[in-house]
Amino acid sequence: MAKKQANLLDAIPCVPDGMVLRKEEGLSVMAFPRFKNRFLQRLFSWKGKPLYAHVDFDEHGTAALDLVDGRRTVREIIALLAPHFEGEGEGYEARVALFFSHLHRHGLLKMRG
């Protein structure tokens, strides 16, 4: 029997444990540990290396991430973003869905549902 494929638009995006989502100069920045292994964390900390990697988002990514609350679906977030993308032309829905898909694929967001 084939496994039922989940619809991304009905999924609920959530920030995974260990990720930190914050704002810098009005834009979102996601920080996550470089190493899961405690030994490597201690080793690189001792050498003065940064323990966290950072991903900086533009205004569109920030607008989308601001709506991630662990309750809204991707479809609901896309609908709420309509005023933000006004004047950007058509097709923003696919761009937002692709944005969430990439974040999920790279482990920066979890998807429930």
PDB file of N, CA and C in Angstrom:
ATOM      1  N   MET A   1       0.842  -1.182   0.000  1.00  0.00           N
ATOM      2  CA  MET A   1       0.000   0.000   0.000  1.00  0.00           C
ATOM      3  C   MET A   1       0.885   1.242   0.000  1.00  0.00           C
ATOM      4  N   ALA A   2       0.577   2.188  -0.847  1.00  0.00           N
ATOM      5  CA  ALA A   2       1.379   3.406  -0.979  1.00  0.00           C
ATOM      6  C   ALA A   2       1.176   4.304   0.230  1.00  0.00           C
ATOM      7  N   LYS A   3       2.265   4.933   0.635  1.00  0.00           N
ATOM      8  CA  LYS A   3       2.204   5.870   1.751  1.00  0.00           C
ATOM      9  C   LYS A   3       1.547   7.163   1.282  1.00  0.00           C
ATOM     10  N   LYS A   4       0.609   7.676   2.073  1.00  0.00           N
ATOM     11  CA  LYS A   4      -0.084   8.911   1.715  1.00  0.00           C
ATOM     12  C   LYS A   4       0.876  10.082   1.863  1.00  0.00           C
ATOM     13  N   GLN A   5       0.978  10.870   0.814  1.00  0.00           N
ATOM     14  CA  GLN A   5       1.875  12.015   0.826  1.00  0.00           C
ATOM     15  C   GLN A   5       1.173  13.202   1.479  1.00  0.00           C
ATOM     16  N   ALA A   6       1.860  13.848   2.408  1.00  0.00           N
ATOM     17  CA  ALA A   6       1.297  14.994   3.104  1.00  0.00           C
ATOM     18  C   ALA A   6       1.284  16.216   2.189  1.00  0.00           C
ATOM     19  N   ASN A   7       0.290  17.039   2.346  1.00  0.00           N
ATOM     20  CA  ASN A   7       0.185  18.279   1.592  1.00  0.00           C
ATOM     21  C   ASN A   7       0.881  19.376   2.387  1.00  0.00           C
ATOM     22  N   LEU A   8       1.883  19.991   1.798  1.00  0.00           N
ATOM     23  CA  LEU A   8       2.639  21.041   2.481  1.00  0.00           C
ATOM     24  C   LEU A   8       1.732  22.164   2.953  1.00  0.00           C
ATOM     25  N   LEU A   9       0.731  22.523   2.169  1.00  0.00           N
ATOM     26  CA  LEU A   9      -0.137  23.647   2.527  1.00  0.00           C
ATOM     27  C   LEU A   9      -0.942  23.378   3.790  1.00  0.00           C
ATOM     28  N   ASP A  10      -1.176  22.115   4.113  1.00  0.00           N
ATOM     29  CA  ASP A  10      -1.927  21.771   5.317  1.00  0.00           C
ATOM     30  C   ASP A  10      -1.027  21.504   6.522  1.00  0.00           C
ATOM     31  N   ALA A  11       0.278  21.552   6.320  1.00  0.00           N
ATOM     32  CA  ALA A  11       1.227  21.321   7.408  1.00  0.00           C
ATOM     33  C   ALA A  11       1.359  22.572   8.273  1.00  0.00           C
ATOM     34  N   ILE A  12       1.723  22.352   9.519  1.00  0.00           N
ATOM     35  CA  ILE A  12       1.918  23.447  10.478  1.00  0.00           C
ATOM     36  C   ILE A  12       3.415  23.576  10.749  1.00  0.00           C
ATOM     37  N   PRO A  13       4.038  24.663  10.301  1.00  0.00           N
ATOM     38  CA  PRO A  13       5.472  24.838  10.547  1.00  0.00           C
ATOM     39  C   PRO A  13       5.744  25.228  11.996  1.00  0.00           C
ATOM     40  N   CYS A  14       6.826  24.669  12.553  1.00  0.00           N
ATOM     41  CA  CYS A  14       7.251  24.941  13.926  1.00  0.00           C
ATOM     42  C   CYS A  14       8.766  25.080  13.950  1.00  0.00           C
ATOM     43  N   VAL A  15       9.256  25.894  14.850  1.00  0.00           N
ATOM     44  CA  VAL A  15      10.695  26.041  15.037  1.00  0.00           C
ATOM     45  C   VAL A  15      11.159  24.859  15.882  1.00  0.00           C
ATOM     46  N   PRO A  16      12.128  24.073  15.400  1.00  0.00           N
ATOM     47  CA  PRO A  16      12.593  22.898  16.147  1.00  0.00           C
ATOM     48  C   PRO A  16      13.297  23.284  17.446  1.00  0.00           C
ATOM     49  N   ASP A  17      13.317  22.340  18.377  1.00  0.00           N
ATOM     50  CA  ASP A  17      14.070  22.537  19.615  1.00  0.00           C
ATOM     51  C   ASP A  17      15.532  22.762  19.275  1.00  0.00           C
ATOM     52  N   GLY A  18      16.161  23.635  19.989  1.00  0.00           N
ATOM     53  CA  GLY A  18      17.569  23.927  19.754  1.00  0.00           C
ATOM     54  C   GLY A  18      17.791  25.089  18.804  1.00  0.00           C
ATOM     55  N   MET A  19      16.761  25.454  18.041  1.00  0.00           N
ATOM     56  CA  MET A  19      16.868  26.595  17.135  1.00  0.00           C
ATOM     57  C   MET A  19      16.454  27.859  17.890  1.00  0.00           C
ATOM     58  N   VAL A  20      17.113  28.930  17.575  1.00  0.00           N
ATOM     59  CA  VAL A  20      16.771  30.216  18.165  1.00  0.00           C
ATOM     60  C   VAL A  20      16.419  31.163  17.028  1.00  0.00           C
ATOM     61  N   LEU A  21      15.225  31.717  17.089  1.00  0.00           N
ATOM     62  CA  LEU A  21      14.778  32.674  16.077  1.00  0.00           C
ATOM     63  C   LEU A  21      14.694  34.027  16.755  1.00  0.00           C
ATOM     64  N   ARG A  22      15.464  34.981  16.260  1.00  0.00           N
ATOM     65  CA  ARG A  22      15.479  36.311  16.875  1.00  0.00           C
ATOM     66  C   ARG A  22      15.500  37.373  15.783  1.00  0.00           C
ATOM     67  N   LYS A  23      15.412  38.624  16.203  1.00  0.00           N
ATOM     68  CA  LYS A  23      15.438  39.750  15.266  1.00  0.00           C
ATOM     69  C   LYS A  23      16.731  40.544  15.461  1.00  0.00           C
ATOM     70  N   GLU A  24      17.292  40.943  14.345  1.00  0.00           N
ATOM     71  CA  GLU A  24      18.435  41.865  14.337  1.00  0.00           C
ATOM     72  C   GLU A  24      18.135  42.923  13.298  1.00  0.00           C
ATOM     73  N   GLU A  25      18.057  44.155  13.733  1.00  0.00           N
ATOM     74  CA  GLU A  25      17.745  45.282  12.852  1.00  0.00           C
ATOM     75  C   GLU A  25      16.453  45.056  12.084  1.00  0.00           C
ATOM     76  N   GLY A  26      15.469  44.441  12.750  1.00  0.00           N
ATOM     77  CA  GLY A  26      14.150  44.247  12.162  1.00  0.00           C
ATOM     78  C   GLY A  26      13.996  43.026  11.282  1.00  0.00           C
ATOM     79  N   LEU A  27      15.085  42.284  11.054  1.00  0.00           N
ATOM     80  CA  LEU A  27      15.027  41.096  10.209  1.00  0.00           C
ATOM     81  C   LEU A  27      15.282  39.839  11.057  1.00  0.00           C
ATOM     82  N   SER A  28      14.700  38.720  10.637  1.00  0.00           N
ATOM     83  CA  SER A  28      14.856  37.470  11.374  1.00  0.00           C
ATOM     84  C   SER A  28      16.230  36.855  11.140  1.00  0.00           C
ATOM     85  N   VAL A  29      16.743  36.276  12.210  1.00  0.00           N
ATOM     86  CA  VAL A  29      17.986  35.512  12.171  1.00  0.00           C
ATOM     87  C   VAL A  29      17.706  34.210  12.912  1.00  0.00           C
ATOM     88  N   MET A  30      18.056  33.094  12.291  1.00  0.00           N
ATOM     89  CA  MET A  30      17.894  31.802  12.932  1.00  0.00           C
ATOM     90  C   MET A  30      19.277  31.294  13.296  1.00  0.00           C
ATOM     91  N   ALA A  31      19.442  30.924  14.560  1.00  0.00           N
ATOM     92  CA  ALA A  31      20.714  30.373  15.024  1.00  0.00           C
ATOM     93  C   ALA A  31      20.486  28.923  15.431  1.00  0.00           C
ATOM     94  N   PHE A  32      21.443  28.075  15.090  1.00  0.00           N
ATOM     95  CA  PHE A  32      21.335  26.667  15.449  1.00  0.00           C
ATOM     96  C   PHE A  32      22.715  26.115  15.764  1.00  0.00           C
ATOM     97  N   PRO A  33      22.770  25.101  16.635  1.00  0.00           N
ATOM     98  CA  PRO A  33      24.074  24.550  17.018  1.00  0.00           C
ATOM     99  C   PRO A  33      24.800  23.933  15.827  1.00  0.00           C
ATOM    100  N   ARG A  34      26.085  24.204  15.732  1.00  0.00           N
ATOM    101  CA  ARG A  34      26.900  23.623  14.664  1.00  0.00           C
ATOM    102  C   ARG A  34      27.107  22.124  14.891  1.00  0.00           C
ATOM    103  N   PHE A  35      27.192  21.738  16.162  1.00  0.00           N
ATOM    104  CA  PHE A  35      27.498  20.349  16.503  1.00  0.00           C
ATOM    105  C   PHE A  35      26.486  19.826  17.502  1.00  0.00           C
ATOM    106  N   LYS A  36      26.029  18.605  17.280  1.00  0.00           N
ATOM    107  CA  LYS A  36      25.145  17.949  18.240  1.00  0.00           C
ATOM    108  C   LYS A  36      25.966  17.187  19.266  1.00  0.00           C
ATOM    109  N   ASN A  37      27.158  16.800  18.896  1.00  0.00           N
ATOM    110  CA  ASN A  37      28.043  16.043  19.755  1.00  0.00           C
ATOM    111  C   ASN A  37      28.649  16.960  20.821  1.00  0.00           C
ATOM    112  N   ARG A  38      28.458  16.614  22.095  1.00  0.00           N
ATOM    113  CA  ARG A  38      28.958  17.453  23.196  1.00  0.00           C
ATOM    114  C   ARG A  38      30.475  17.591  23.185  1.00  0.00           C
ATOM    115  N   PHE A  39      31.185  16.535  22.813  1.00  0.00           N
ATOM    116  CA  PHE A  39      32.642  16.599  22.751  1.00  0.00           C
ATOM    117  C   PHE A  39      33.080  17.670  21.758  1.00  0.00           C
ATOM    118  N   LEU A  40      32.478  17.655  20.564  1.00  0.00           N
ATOM    119  CA  LEU A  40      32.832  18.657  19.559  1.00  0.00           C
ATOM    120  C   LEU A  40      32.458  20.062  20.014  1.00  0.00           C
ATOM    121  N   GLN A  41      31.337  20.196  20.707  1.00  0.00           N
ATOM    122  CA  GLN A  41      30.946  21.508  21.238  1.00  0.00           C
ATOM    123  C   GLN A  41      32.020  22.026  22.190  1.00  0.00           C
ATOM    124  N   ARG A  42      32.472  21.181  23.113  1.00  0.00           N
ATOM    125  CA  ARG A  42      33.493  21.605  24.080  1.00  0.00           C
ATOM    126  C   ARG A  42      34.812  21.918  23.373  1.00  0.00           C
ATOM    127  N   LEU A  43      35.197  21.061  22.425  1.00  0.00           N
ATOM    128  CA  LEU A  43      36.457  21.247  21.721  1.00  0.00           C
ATOM    129  C   LEU A  43      36.482  22.577  20.977  1.00  0.00           C
ATOM    130  N   PHE A  44      35.432  22.843  20.217  1.00  0.00           N
ATOM    131  CA  PHE A  44      35.415  24.085  19.440  1.00  0.00           C
ATOM    132  C   PHE A  44      35.192  25.308  20.313  1.00  0.00           C
ATOM    133  N   SER A  45      34.500  25.146  21.419  1.00  0.00           N
ATOM    134  CA  SER A  45      34.332  26.250  22.370  1.00  0.00           C
ATOM    135  C   SER A  45      35.700  26.623  22.948  1.00  0.00           C
ATOM    136  N   TRP A  46      36.475  25.608  23.301  1.00  0.00           N
ATOM    137  CA  TRP A  46      37.791  25.833  23.865  1.00  0.00           C
ATOM    138  C   TRP A  46      38.693  26.532  22.860  1.00  0.00           C
ATOM    139  N   LYS A  47      38.532  26.231  21.580  1.00  0.00           N
ATOM    140  CA  LYS A  47      39.352  26.850  20.534  1.00  0.00           C
ATOM    141  C   LYS A  47      38.822  28.227  20.123  1.00  0.00           C
ATOM    142  N   GLY A  48      37.720  28.659  20.742  1.00  0.00           N
ATOM    143  CA  GLY A  48      37.178  29.980  20.445  1.00  0.00           C
ATOM    144  C   GLY A  48      36.340  30.050  19.180  1.00  0.00           C
ATOM    145  N   LYS A  49      35.961  28.903  18.653  1.00  0.00           N
ATOM    146  CA  LYS A  49      35.140  28.859  17.439  1.00  0.00           C
ATOM    147  C   LYS A  49      33.671  29.054  17.809  1.00  0.00           C
ATOM    148  N   PRO A  50      32.893  29.681  16.932  1.00  0.00           N
ATOM    149  CA  PRO A  50      31.463  29.862  17.223  1.00  0.00           C
ATOM    150  C   PRO A  50      30.742  28.521  17.274  1.00  0.00           C
ATOM    151  N   LEU A  51      29.877  28.361  18.270  1.00  0.00           N
ATOM    152  CA  LEU A  51      29.133  27.122  18.432  1.00  0.00           C
ATOM    153  C   LEU A  51      27.831  27.127  17.639  1.00  0.00           C
ATOM    154  N   TYR A  52      27.419  28.297  17.183  1.00  0.00           N
ATOM    155  CA  TYR A  52      26.161  28.409  16.453  1.00  0.00           C
ATOM    156  C   TYR A  52      26.399  28.926  15.044  1.00  0.00           C
ATOM    157  N   ALA A  53      25.646  28.362  14.122  1.00  0.00           N
ATOM    158  CA  ALA A  53      25.604  28.872  12.750  1.00  0.00           C
ATOM    159  C   ALA A  53      24.383  29.775  12.653  1.00  0.00           C
ATOM    160  N   HIS A  54      24.406  30.727  11.753  1.00  0.00           N
ATOM    161  CA  HIS A  54      23.315  31.687  11.621  1.00  0.00           C
ATOM    162  C   HIS A  54      22.814  31.748  10.186  1.00  0.00           C
ATOM    163  N   VAL A  55      21.506  31.901  10.054  1.00  0.00           N
ATOM    164  CA  VAL A  55      20.890  32.123   8.754  1.00  0.00           C
ATOM    165  C   VAL A  55      20.144  33.444   8.856  1.00  0.00           C
ATOM    166  N   ASP A  56      20.485  34.383   7.995  1.00  0.00           N
ATOM    167  CA  ASP A  56      19.830  35.696   7.977  1.00  0.00           C
ATOM    168  C   ASP A  56      18.748  35.694   6.904  1.00  0.00           C
ATOM    169  N   PHE A  57      17.599  36.280   7.228  1.00  0.00           N
ATOM    170  CA  PHE A  57      16.475  36.323   6.300  1.00  0.00           C
ATOM    171  C   PHE A  57      16.196  37.747   5.858  1.00  0.00           C
ATOM    172  N   ASP A  58      15.686  37.881   4.638  1.00  0.00           N
ATOM    173  CA  ASP A  58      15.308  39.193   4.115  1.00  0.00           C
ATOM    174  C   ASP A  58      13.920  39.561   4.639  1.00  0.00           C
ATOM    175  N   GLU A  59      13.379  40.664   4.135  1.00  0.00           N
ATOM    176  CA  GLU A  59      12.082  41.128   4.634  1.00  0.00           C
ATOM    177  C   GLU A  59      10.954  40.138   4.352  1.00  0.00           C
ATOM    178  N   HIS A  60      11.004  39.449   3.217  1.00  0.00           N
ATOM    179  CA  HIS A  60       9.955  38.483   2.896  1.00  0.00           C
ATOM    180  C   HIS A  60      10.034  37.255   3.810  1.00  0.00           C
ATOM    181  N   GLY A  61      11.244  36.745   4.006  1.00  0.00           N
ATOM    182  CA  GLY A  61      11.428  35.611   4.914  1.00  0.00           C
ATOM    183  C   GLY A  61      11.036  35.967   6.333  1.00  0.00           C
ATOM    184  N   THR A  62      11.384  37.186   6.751  1.00  0.00           N
ATOM    185  CA  THR A  62      11.020  37.657   8.084  1.00  0.00           C
ATOM    186  C   THR A  62       9.508  37.731   8.233  1.00  0.00           C
ATOM    187  N   ALA A  63       8.825  38.266   7.221  1.00  0.00           N
ATOM    188  CA  ALA A  63       7.363  38.363   7.279  1.00  0.00           C
ATOM    189  C   ALA A  63       6.732  36.982   7.414  1.00  0.00           C
ATOM    190  N   ALA A  64       7.254  35.997   6.678  1.00  0.00           N
ATOM    191  CA  ALA A  64       6.716  34.636   6.749  1.00  0.00           C
ATOM    192  C   ALA A  64       7.023  34.007   8.110  1.00  0.00           C
ATOM    193  N   LEU A  65       8.245  34.153   8.591  1.00  0.00           N
ATOM    194  CA  LEU A  65       8.618  33.553   9.869  1.00  0.00           C
ATOM    195  C   LEU A  65       7.896  34.197  11.047  1.00  0.00           C
ATOM    196  N   ASP A  66       7.560  35.469  10.913  1.00  0.00           N
ATOM    197  CA  ASP A  66       6.811  36.142  11.986  1.00  0.00           C
ATOM    198  C   ASP A  66       5.453  35.485  12.225  1.00  0.00           C
ATOM    199  N   LEU A  67       4.938  34.803  11.225  1.00  0.00           N
ATOM    200  CA  LEU A  67       3.616  34.174  11.340  1.00  0.00           C
ATOM    201  C   LEU A  67       3.684  32.710  11.771  1.00  0.00           C
ATOM    202  N   VAL A  68       4.884  32.166  11.913  1.00  0.00           N
ATOM    203  CA  VAL A  68       5.041  30.784  12.382  1.00  0.00           C
ATOM    204  C   VAL A  68       4.840  30.779  13.896  1.00  0.00           C
ATOM    205  N   ASP A  69       3.738  30.156  14.302  1.00  0.00           N
ATOM    206  CA  ASP A  69       3.422  30.127  15.735  1.00  0.00           C
ATOM    207  C   ASP A  69       3.101  28.725  16.250  1.00  0.00           C
ATOM    208  N   GLY A  70       3.247  27.714  15.401  1.00  0.00           N
ATOM    209  CA  GLY A  70       2.954  26.347  15.807  1.00  0.00           C
ATOM    210  C   GLY A  70       1.477  25.999  15.761  1.00  0.00           C
ATOM    211  N   ARG A  71       0.642  26.933  15.277  1.00  0.00           N
ATOM    212  CA  ARG A  71      -0.803  26.686  15.168  1.00  0.00           C
ATOM    213  C   ARG A  71      -1.308  26.911  13.747  1.00  0.00           C
ATOM    214  N   ARG A  72      -0.701  27.848  13.036  1.00  0.00           N
ATOM    215  CA  ARG A  72      -1.154  28.169  11.673  1.00  0.00           C
ATOM    216  C   ARG A  72      -0.569  27.196  10.659  1.00  0.00           C
ATOM    217  N   THR A  73      -1.365  26.862   9.657  1.00  0.00           N
ATOM    218  CA  THR A  73      -0.874  26.044   8.551  1.00  0.00           C
ATOM    219  C   THR A  73      -0.148  26.945   7.554  1.00  0.00           C
ATOM    220  N   VAL A  74       0.588  26.326   6.650  1.00  0.00           N
ATOM    221  CA  VAL A  74       1.257  27.074   5.589  1.00  0.00           C
ATOM    222  C   VAL A  74       0.209  27.815   4.762  1.00  0.00           C
ATOM    223  N   ARG A  75      -0.921  27.171   4.501  1.00  0.00           N
ATOM    224  CA  ARG A  75      -2.004  27.799   3.736  1.00  0.00           C
ATOM    225  C   ARG A  75      -2.497  29.085   4.449  1.00  0.00           C
ATOM    226  N   GLU A  76      -2.671  29.030   5.756  1.00  0.00           N
ATOM    227  CA  GLU A  76      -3.128  30.204   6.515  1.00  0.00           C
ATOM    228  C   GLU A  76      -2.069  31.312   6.499  1.00  0.00           C
ATOM    229  N   ILE A  77      -0.809  30.932   6.608  1.00  0.00           N
ATOM    230  CA  ILE A  77       0.276  31.920   6.575  1.00  0.00           C
ATOM    231  C   ILE A  77       0.319  32.604   5.217  1.00  0.00           C
ATOM    232  N   ILE A  78       0.160  31.836   4.147  1.00  0.00           N
ATOM    233  CA  ILE A  78       0.148  32.413   2.800  1.00  0.00           C
ATOM    234  C   ILE A  78      -0.978  33.433   2.671  1.00  0.00           C
ATOM    235  N   ALA A  79      -2.163  33.099   3.189  1.00  0.00           N
ATOM    236  CA  ALA A  79      -3.303  34.025   3.114  1.00  0.00           C
ATOM    237  C   ALA A  79      -3.017  35.301   3.900  1.00  0.00           C
ATOM    238  N   LEU A  80      -2.386  35.171   5.063  1.00  0.00           N
ATOM    239  CA  LEU A  80      -2.079  36.346   5.885  1.00  0.00           C
ATOM    240  C   LEU A  80      -0.986  37.219   5.271  1.00  0.00           C
ATOM    241  N   LEU A  81      -0.176  36.648   4.402  1.00  0.00           N
ATOM    242  CA  LEU A  81       0.913  37.395   3.762  1.00  0.00           C
ATOM    243  C   LEU A  81       0.473  38.193   2.541  1.00  0.00           C
ATOM    244  N   ALA A  82      -0.761  38.031   2.107  1.00  0.00           N
ATOM    245  CA  ALA A  82      -1.238  38.725   0.898  1.00  0.00           C
ATOM    246  C   ALA A  82      -0.949  40.229   0.938  1.00  0.00           C
ATOM    247  N   PRO A  83      -1.255  40.942   2.046  1.00  0.00           N
ATOM    248  CA  PRO A  83      -0.956  42.381   2.061  1.00  0.00           C
ATOM    249  C   PRO A  83       0.545  42.682   1.945  1.00  0.00           C
ATOM    250  N   HIS A  84       1.384  41.822   2.507  1.00  0.00           N
ATOM    251  CA  HIS A  84       2.832  42.042   2.451  1.00  0.00           C
ATOM    252  C   HIS A  84       3.344  41.955   1.003  1.00  0.00           C
ATOM    253  N   PHE A  85       2.767  41.050   0.219  1.00  0.00           N
ATOM    254  CA  PHE A  85       3.218  40.840  -1.150  1.00  0.00           C
ATOM    255  C   PHE A  85       2.434  41.650  -2.174  1.00  0.00           C
ATOM    256  N   GLU A  86       1.551  42.514  -1.711  1.00  0.00           N
ATOM    257  CA  GLU A  86       0.762  43.336  -2.637  1.00  0.00           C
ATOM    258  C   GLU A  86       1.705  44.169  -3.494  1.00  0.00           C
ATOM    259  N   GLY A  87       1.480  44.158  -4.771  1.00  0.00           N
ATOM    260  CA  GLY A  87       2.330  44.910  -5.689  1.00  0.00           C
ATOM    261  C   GLY A  87       3.542  44.133  -6.180  1.00  0.00           C
ATOM    262  N   GLU A  88       3.737  42.919  -5.670  1.00  0.00           N
ATOM    263  CA  GLU A  88       4.877  42.099  -6.081  1.00  0.00           C
ATOM    264  C   GLU A  88       4.554  41.241  -7.291  1.00  0.00           C
ATOM    265  N   GLY A  89       3.330  41.302  -7.754  1.00  0.00           N
ATOM    266  CA  GLY A  89       2.925  40.446  -8.867  1.00  0.00           C
ATOM    267  C   GLY A  89       2.315  39.157  -8.355  1.00  0.00           C
ATOM    268  N   GLU A  90       1.948  38.319  -9.281  1.00  0.00           N
ATOM    269  CA  GLU A  90       1.309  37.065  -8.908  1.00  0.00           C
ATOM    270  C   GLU A  90       2.357  35.992  -8.629  1.00  0.00           C
ATOM    271  N   GLY A  91       1.921  34.953  -7.961  1.00  0.00           N
ATOM    272  CA  GLY A  91       2.799  33.817  -7.723  1.00  0.00           C
ATOM    273  C   GLY A  91       3.497  33.819  -6.383  1.00  0.00           C
ATOM    274  N   TYR A  92       3.172  34.762  -5.520  1.00  0.00           N
ATOM    275  CA  TYR A  92       3.845  34.781  -4.226  1.00  0.00           C
ATOM    276  C   TYR A  92       3.523  33.521  -3.428  1.00  0.00           C
ATOM    277  N   GLU A  93       2.341  32.940  -3.654  1.00  0.00           N
ATOM    278  CA  GLU A  93       1.935  31.747  -2.915  1.00  0.00           C
ATOM    279  C   GLU A  93       2.945  30.618  -3.124  1.00  0.00           C
ATOM    280  N   ALA A  94       3.340  30.405  -4.365  1.00  0.00           N
ATOM    281  CA  ALA A  94       4.312  29.349  -4.672  1.00  0.00           C
ATOM    282  C   ALA A  94       5.668  29.678  -4.061  1.00  0.00           C
ATOM    283  N   ARG A  95       6.053  30.946  -4.055  1.00  0.00           N
ATOM    284  CA  ARG A  95       7.331  31.347  -3.457  1.00  0.00           C
ATOM    285  C   ARG A  95       7.348  31.061  -1.966  1.00  0.00           C
ATOM    286  N   VAL A  96       6.245  31.370  -1.284  1.00  0.00           N
ATOM    287  CA  VAL A  96       6.173  31.138   0.157  1.00  0.00           C
ATOM    288  C   VAL A  96       6.190  29.636   0.450  1.00  0.00           C
ATOM    289  N   ALA A  97       5.424  28.858  -0.324  1.00  0.00           N
ATOM    290  CA  ALA A  97       5.410  27.406  -0.132  1.00  0.00           C
ATOM    291  C   ALA A  97       6.805  26.816  -0.348  1.00  0.00           C
ATOM    292  N   LEU A  98       7.500  27.276  -1.372  1.00  0.00           N
ATOM    293  CA  LEU A  98       8.852  26.809  -1.645  1.00  0.00           C
ATOM    294  C   LEU A  98       9.809  27.197  -0.513  1.00  0.00           C
ATOM    295  N   PHE A  99       9.647  28.401   0.021  1.00  0.00           N
ATOM    296  CA  PHE A  99      10.456  28.874   1.152  1.00  0.00           C
ATOM    297  C   PHE A  99      10.310  27.918   2.336  1.00  0.00           C
ATOM    298  N   PHE A 100       9.057  27.591   2.696  1.00  0.00           N
ATOM    299  CA  PHE A 100       8.835  26.684   3.817  1.00  0.00           C
ATOM    300  C   PHE A 100       9.360  25.283   3.508  1.00  0.00           C
ATOM    301  N   SER A 101       9.207  24.855   2.275  1.00  0.00           N
ATOM    302  CA  SER A 101       9.699  23.540   1.870  1.00  0.00           C
ATOM    303  C   SER A 101      11.219  23.457   2.021  1.00  0.00           C
ATOM    304  N   HIS A 102      11.932  24.493   1.602  1.00  0.00           N
ATOM    305  CA  HIS A 102      13.392  24.518   1.732  1.00  0.00           C
ATOM    306  C   HIS A 102      13.815  24.516   3.197  1.00  0.00           C
ATOM    307  N   LEU A 103      13.159  25.318   4.005  1.00  0.00           N
ATOM    308  CA  LEU A 103      13.514  25.357   5.428  1.00  0.00           C
ATOM    309  C   LEU A 103      13.305  23.995   6.073  1.00  0.00           C
ATOM    310  N   HIS A 104      12.210  23.346   5.719  1.00  0.00           N
ATOM    311  CA  HIS A 104      11.935  22.021   6.267  1.00  0.00           C
ATOM    312  C   HIS A 104      12.956  21.000   5.780  1.00  0.00           C
ATOM    313  N   ARG A 105      13.250  21.011   4.498  1.00  0.00           N
ATOM    314  CA  ARG A 105      14.213  20.056   3.917  1.00  0.00           C
ATOM    315  C   ARG A 105      15.581  20.175   4.572  1.00  0.00           C
ATOM    316  N   HIS A 106      15.968  21.384   4.958  1.00  0.00           N
ATOM    317  CA  HIS A 106      17.282  21.599   5.556  1.00  0.00           C
ATOM    318  C   HIS A 106      17.262  21.552   7.080  1.00  0.00           C
ATOM    319  N   GLY A 107      16.129  21.147   7.654  1.00  0.00           N
ATOM    320  CA  GLY A 107      16.040  20.957   9.101  1.00  0.00           C
ATOM    321  C   GLY A 107      15.874  22.213   9.915  1.00  0.00           C
ATOM    322  N   LEU A 108      15.556  23.330   9.258  1.00  0.00           N
ATOM    323  CA  LEU A 108      15.394  24.591   9.982  1.00  0.00           C
ATOM    324  C   LEU A 108      13.965  24.796  10.481  1.00  0.00           C
ATOM    325  N   LEU A 109      13.028  24.028   9.963  1.00  0.00           N
ATOM    326  CA  LEU A 109      11.639  24.038  10.446  1.00  0.00           C
ATOM    327  C   LEU A 109      11.145  22.601  10.497  1.00  0.00           C
ATOM    328  N   LYS A 110      10.285  22.336  11.464  1.00  0.00           N
ATOM    329  CA  LYS A 110       9.559  21.056  11.510  1.00  0.00           C
ATOM    330  C   LYS A 110       8.181  21.315  10.946  1.00  0.00           C
ATOM    331  N   MET A 111       7.590  20.278  10.394  1.00  0.00           N
ATOM    332  CA  MET A 111       6.231  20.374   9.886  1.00  0.00           C
ATOM    333  C   MET A 111       5.368  19.338  10.608  1.00  0.00           C
ATOM    334  N   ARG A 112       4.294  19.803  11.212  1.00  0.00           N
ATOM    335  CA  ARG A 112       3.327  18.907  11.855  1.00  0.00           C
ATOM    336  C   ARG A 112       2.090  18.814  11.000  1.00  0.00           C
ATOM    337  N   GLY A 113       1.396  17.696  11.141  1.00  0.00           N
ATOM    338  CA  GLY A 113       0.113  17.551  10.461  1.00  0.00           C
ATOM    339  C   GLY A 113       0.246  16.948   9.183  1.00  0.00           C
TER     340      GLY A 113
END
